[in-house]
Amino acid sequence: MSVFGTVLAVTGHIGYHPSWDCETCGEPWPCPSFRAIPRDRLDGTALIPVMSCVLRRAIRDLRGRPEGPQPPEIVKRFLWFLPLNDEEARAIALRMR
């Protein structure tokens, strides 16, 4: 099982498309409980490819919803563990469409 899968199994906090809400707590996923996992239990290099895969689908599912998040906001939400500024998030969002 991947590092990501292990963390999901331990926390039970996971979200799926099209709503991208946590099945356990109902918060937008990655939810506060998932993001609160100690950094030493998260491997950013393992999370980047996994979150990039789900990010593309999340942008497609969430953009354009009335009062929904814009693609750069979605990027920051799913890549919360990276120190991204607005320009970087916008550039990633454009590449992920």
C-alpha atoms as a PDB file:
ATOM      1  CA  MET A   1       0.000   0.000   0.000  1.00  0.00           C
ATOM      2  CA  SER A   2       1.303   3.494  -0.790  1.00  0.00           C
ATOM      3  CA  VAL A   3       2.180   6.081   1.837  1.00  0.00           C
ATOM      4  CA  PHE A   4      -0.970   7.959   0.803  1.00  0.00           C
ATOM      5  CA  GLY A   5      -3.117   4.842   1.119  1.00  0.00           C
ATOM      6  CA  THR A   6      -1.683   4.126   4.558  1.00  0.00           C
ATOM      7  CA  VAL A   7      -2.489   7.622   5.763  1.00  0.00           C
ATOM      8  CA  LEU A   8      -6.032   7.344   4.376  1.00  0.00           C
ATOM      9  CA  ALA A   9      -6.521   3.976   6.054  1.00  0.00           C
ATOM     10  CA  VAL A  10      -5.322   5.368   9.380  1.00  0.00           C
ATOM     11  CA  THR A  11      -7.395   8.556   9.284  1.00  0.00           C
ATOM     12  CA  GLY A  12     -10.541   7.349   7.531  1.00  0.00           C
ATOM     13  CA  HIS A  13     -10.845  10.842   6.019  1.00  0.00           C
ATOM     14  CA  ILE A  14     -11.215  10.626   2.260  1.00  0.00           C
ATOM     15  CA  GLY A  15     -13.151  12.508  -0.382  1.00  0.00           C
ATOM     16  CA  TYR A  16     -14.396  11.493  -3.802  1.00  0.00           C
ATOM     17  CA  HIS A  17     -15.675  13.261  -6.856  1.00  0.00           C
ATOM     18  CA  PRO A  18     -17.860  15.026  -7.770  1.00  0.00           C
ATOM     19  CA  SER A  19     -18.438  16.798  -4.426  1.00  0.00           C
ATOM     20  CA  TRP A  20     -14.930  16.383  -2.960  1.00  0.00           C
ATOM     21  CA  ASP A  21     -16.321  16.398   0.561  1.00  0.00           C
ATOM     22  CA  CYS A  22     -14.892  14.136   3.253  1.00  0.00           C
ATOM     23  CA  GLU A  23     -16.982  11.013   3.739  1.00  0.00           C
ATOM     24  CA  THR A  24     -16.229  11.020   7.474  1.00  0.00           C
ATOM     25  CA  CYS A  25     -16.713  14.640   8.560  1.00  0.00           C
ATOM     26  CA  GLY A  26     -18.445  16.240   5.561  1.00  0.00           C
ATOM     27  CA  GLU A  27     -15.887  19.041   5.245  1.00  0.00           C
ATOM     28  CA  PRO A  28     -14.320  19.950   1.883  1.00  0.00           C
ATOM     29  CA  TRP A  29     -11.584  17.395   1.246  1.00  0.00           C
ATOM     30  CA  PRO A  30      -8.716  17.355   2.015  1.00  0.00           C
ATOM     31  CA  CYS A  31     -10.520  18.137   5.250  1.00  0.00           C
ATOM     32  CA  PRO A  32      -9.009  19.773   8.335  1.00  0.00           C
ATOM     33  CA  SER A  33      -8.572  16.343   9.974  1.00  0.00           C
ATOM     34  CA  PHE A  34      -6.613  15.031   6.982  1.00  0.00           C
ATOM     35  CA  ARG A  35      -4.518  18.207   6.764  1.00  0.00           C
ATOM     36  CA  ALA A  36      -3.786  17.939  10.504  1.00  0.00           C
ATOM     37  CA  ILE A  37      -1.798  14.739   9.994  1.00  0.00           C
ATOM     38  CA  PRO A  38       1.675  15.463  11.369  1.00  0.00           C
ATOM     39  CA  ARG A  39       4.187  16.379   8.678  1.00  0.00           C
ATOM     40  CA  ASP A  40       6.462  13.527   9.730  1.00  0.00           C
ATOM     41  CA  ARG A  41       3.682  11.074   8.711  1.00  0.00           C
ATOM     42  CA  LEU A  42       3.266  12.711   5.292  1.00  0.00           C
ATOM     43  CA  ASP A  43       5.766  12.315   2.510  1.00  0.00           C
ATOM     44  CA  GLY A  44       5.369  15.347   0.247  1.00  0.00           C
ATOM     45  CA  THR A  45       7.211  13.644  -2.583  1.00  0.00           C
ATOM     46  CA  ALA A  46       4.700  10.781  -2.437  1.00  0.00           C
ATOM     47  CA  LEU A  47       1.728  13.128  -2.076  1.00  0.00           C
ATOM     48  CA  ILE A  48       2.576  15.332  -5.061  1.00  0.00           C
ATOM     49  CA  PRO A  49       1.842  12.739  -7.787  1.00  0.00           C
ATOM     50  CA  VAL A  50      -1.239  11.397  -6.000  1.00  0.00           C
ATOM     51  CA  MET A  51      -2.718  14.810  -5.309  1.00  0.00           C
ATOM     52  CA  SER A  52      -1.876  15.928  -8.854  1.00  0.00           C
ATOM     53  CA  CYS A  53      -3.966  13.072 -10.212  1.00  0.00           C
ATOM     54  CA  VAL A  54      -6.993  13.921  -8.095  1.00  0.00           C
ATOM     55  CA  LEU A  55      -6.448  17.661  -8.581  1.00  0.00           C
ATOM     56  CA  ARG A  56      -7.159  17.493 -12.312  1.00  0.00           C
ATOM     57  CA  ARG A  57     -10.489  15.792 -11.665  1.00  0.00           C
ATOM     58  CA  ALA A  58     -11.325  18.117  -8.763  1.00  0.00           C
ATOM     59  CA  ILE A  59     -10.792  21.180 -10.958  1.00  0.00           C
ATOM     60  CA  ARG A  60     -13.143  19.705 -13.565  1.00  0.00           C
ATOM     61  CA  ASP A  61     -15.750  18.833 -10.927  1.00  0.00           C
ATOM     62  CA  LEU A  62     -15.628  22.021  -8.847  1.00  0.00           C
ATOM     63  CA  ARG A  63     -14.933  24.885 -11.260  1.00  0.00           C
ATOM     64  CA  GLY A  64     -17.890  26.778 -12.560  1.00  0.00           C
ATOM     65  CA  ARG A  65     -20.223  25.841  -9.716  1.00  0.00           C
ATOM     66  CA  PRO A  66     -22.236  28.796  -8.457  1.00  0.00           C
ATOM     67  CA  GLU A  67     -20.193  30.409  -5.689  1.00  0.00           C
ATOM     68  CA  GLY A  68     -17.742  27.504  -5.963  1.00  0.00           C
ATOM     69  CA  PRO A  69     -13.964  27.744  -5.735  1.00  0.00           C
ATOM     70  CA  GLN A  70     -11.911  28.993  -8.648  1.00  0.00           C
ATOM     71  CA  PRO A  71      -9.193  26.692 -10.056  1.00  0.00           C
ATOM     72  CA  PRO A  72      -6.302  28.457  -8.227  1.00  0.00           C
ATOM     73  CA  GLU A  73      -8.198  28.040  -4.949  1.00  0.00           C
ATOM     74  CA  ILE A  74      -8.704  24.352  -5.722  1.00  0.00           C
ATOM     75  CA  VAL A  75      -4.964  23.989  -6.378  1.00  0.00           C
ATOM     76  CA  LYS A  76      -4.126  25.549  -3.009  1.00  0.00           C
ATOM     77  CA  ARG A  77      -6.711  23.339  -1.301  1.00  0.00           C
ATOM     78  CA  PHE A  78      -5.341  20.081  -2.717  1.00  0.00           C
ATOM     79  CA  LEU A  79      -1.663  21.072  -2.490  1.00  0.00           C
ATOM     80  CA  TRP A  80      -1.949  22.645   0.968  1.00  0.00           C
ATOM     81  CA  PHE A  81       1.383  21.119   1.980  1.00  0.00           C
ATOM     82  CA  LEU A  82       3.279  23.227  -0.609  1.00  0.00           C
ATOM     83  CA  PRO A  83       4.015  26.924  -0.073  1.00  0.00           C
ATOM     84  CA  LEU A  84       2.272  28.206  -3.234  1.00  0.00           C
ATOM     85  CA  ASN A  85       1.581  31.848  -3.954  1.00  0.00           C
ATOM     86  CA  ASP A  86      -1.386  32.984  -6.064  1.00  0.00           C
ATOM     87  CA  GLU A  87       0.616  33.165  -9.311  1.00  0.00           C
ATOM     88  CA  GLU A  88       2.016  29.661  -8.856  1.00  0.00           C
ATOM     89  CA  ALA A  89      -1.439  28.260  -8.058  1.00  0.00           C
ATOM     90  CA  ARG A  90      -2.872  29.978 -11.156  1.00  0.00           C
ATOM     91  CA  ALA A  91      -0.102  28.551 -13.356  1.00  0.00           C
ATOM     92  CA  ILE A  92      -0.672  25.029 -12.007  1.00  0.00           C
ATOM     93  CA  ALA A  93      -4.430  25.371 -12.504  1.00  0.00           C
ATOM     94  CA  LEU A  94      -3.921  26.374 -16.143  1.00  0.00           C
ATOM     95  CA  ARG A  95      -1.735  23.321 -16.749  1.00  0.00           C
ATOM     96  CA  MET A  96      -4.193  20.977 -15.032  1.00  0.00           C
ATOM     97  CA  ARG A  97      -7.250  21.907 -17.096  1.00  0.00           C
END
